Amino acid sequence: METLEFVIYPDGRVKETVTGIVGASCEAVTAAVESALGEVVIHQKSSEYYAQPIQVDSTSRSSVPTRVFDSQW
């Protein structure tokens, strides 16, 4: 699940934490919010930023052979 968490400090600073978004797409999600808030002082990228999205190939076949048995039980 994608979440954005904001902590607003008494001095007006805002800490934004993004979780659940893999790769650099989190930057597109937060761009409008960061623009509205003002100057960004620091970006700290999480391990999710560097993770590669999982791609499922629907055309791949299982490497386990299929066996069909014809039994006269």
Protein backbone atom coordinates (compact mmCIF):
# COMPACT_ATOMS: atom_id res chain seq x y z
CA MET A 1 0.00 0.00 0.00
CA GLU A 2 1.34 3.44 -0.92
CA THR A 3 1.45 5.97 1.90
CA LEU A 4 2.66 9.51 2.36
CA GLU A 5 3.35 10.61 5.90
CA PHE A 6 3.91 14.24 6.90
CA VAL A 7 5.39 15.47 10.16
CA ILE A 8 5.04 19.22 10.71
CA TYR A 9 7.50 20.61 13.24
CA PRO A 10 6.80 23.67 15.43
CA ASP A 11 9.29 25.74 13.44
CA GLY A 12 7.39 25.07 10.19
CA ARG A 13 9.63 22.39 8.73
CA VAL A 14 7.81 19.47 7.13
CA LYS A 15 9.19 15.95 6.94
CA GLU A 16 7.62 13.82 4.21
CA THR A 17 8.03 10.05 4.16
CA VAL A 18 6.89 7.92 1.22
CA THR A 19 6.45 4.16 1.54
CA GLY A 20 5.11 1.49 -0.74
CA ILE A 21 6.27 3.04 -4.01
CA VAL A 22 9.12 1.22 -5.71
CA GLY A 23 11.63 3.11 -7.81
CA ALA A 24 11.82 6.74 -8.82
CA SER A 25 8.06 7.12 -9.42
CA CYS A 26 7.77 8.44 -5.85
CA GLU A 27 9.32 11.69 -7.10
CA ALA A 28 6.42 12.22 -9.51
CA VAL A 29 3.91 11.48 -6.74
CA THR A 30 5.42 14.04 -4.36
CA ALA A 31 6.41 16.77 -6.84
CA ALA A 32 3.19 18.80 -6.53
CA VAL A 33 3.21 18.60 -2.72
CA GLU A 34 6.85 19.65 -2.51
CA SER A 35 6.21 22.54 -4.89
CA ALA A 36 3.33 23.78 -2.76
CA LEU A 37 5.27 23.45 0.49
CA GLY A 38 8.26 25.47 -0.65
CA GLU A 39 11.99 24.89 -0.65
CA VAL A 40 13.19 21.30 -0.30
CA VAL A 41 16.26 21.25 1.92
CA ILE A 42 17.21 17.56 1.65
CA HIS A 43 16.11 14.38 -0.09
CA GLN A 44 16.93 11.03 1.50
CA LYS A 45 16.23 8.08 -0.73
CA SER A 46 15.05 4.86 0.91
CA SER A 47 15.85 1.31 -0.13
CA GLU A 48 12.49 1.23 -1.95
CA TYR A 49 13.78 3.96 -4.26
CA TYR A 50 16.65 1.74 -5.39
CA ALA A 51 14.55 -1.44 -5.62
CA GLN A 52 13.59 -2.77 -9.02
CA PRO A 53 9.89 -3.30 -9.71
CA ILE A 54 8.90 -6.92 -10.13
CA GLN A 55 7.81 -7.69 -13.67
CA VAL A 56 5.74 -10.76 -14.35
CA ASP A 57 5.99 -12.23 -17.82
CA SER A 58 2.66 -13.85 -18.62
CA THR A 59 4.14 -15.70 -21.60
CA SER A 60 6.73 -17.63 -19.60
CA ARG A 61 6.25 -21.34 -19.06
CA SER A 62 6.91 -23.35 -15.97
CA SER A 63 10.12 -25.33 -16.08
CA VAL A 64 8.38 -28.24 -14.35
CA PRO A 65 7.37 -30.82 -16.94
CA THR A 66 3.71 -31.70 -17.20
CA ARG A 67 2.95 -35.40 -16.94
CA VAL A 68 -0.23 -37.01 -18.08
CA PHE A 69 -1.04 -40.49 -16.86
CA ASP A 70 -3.59 -42.79 -18.39
CA SER A 71 -4.49 -45.36 -15.79
CA GLN A 72 -6.99 -48.19 -15.92
CA TRP A 73 -7.65 -48.26 -12.18
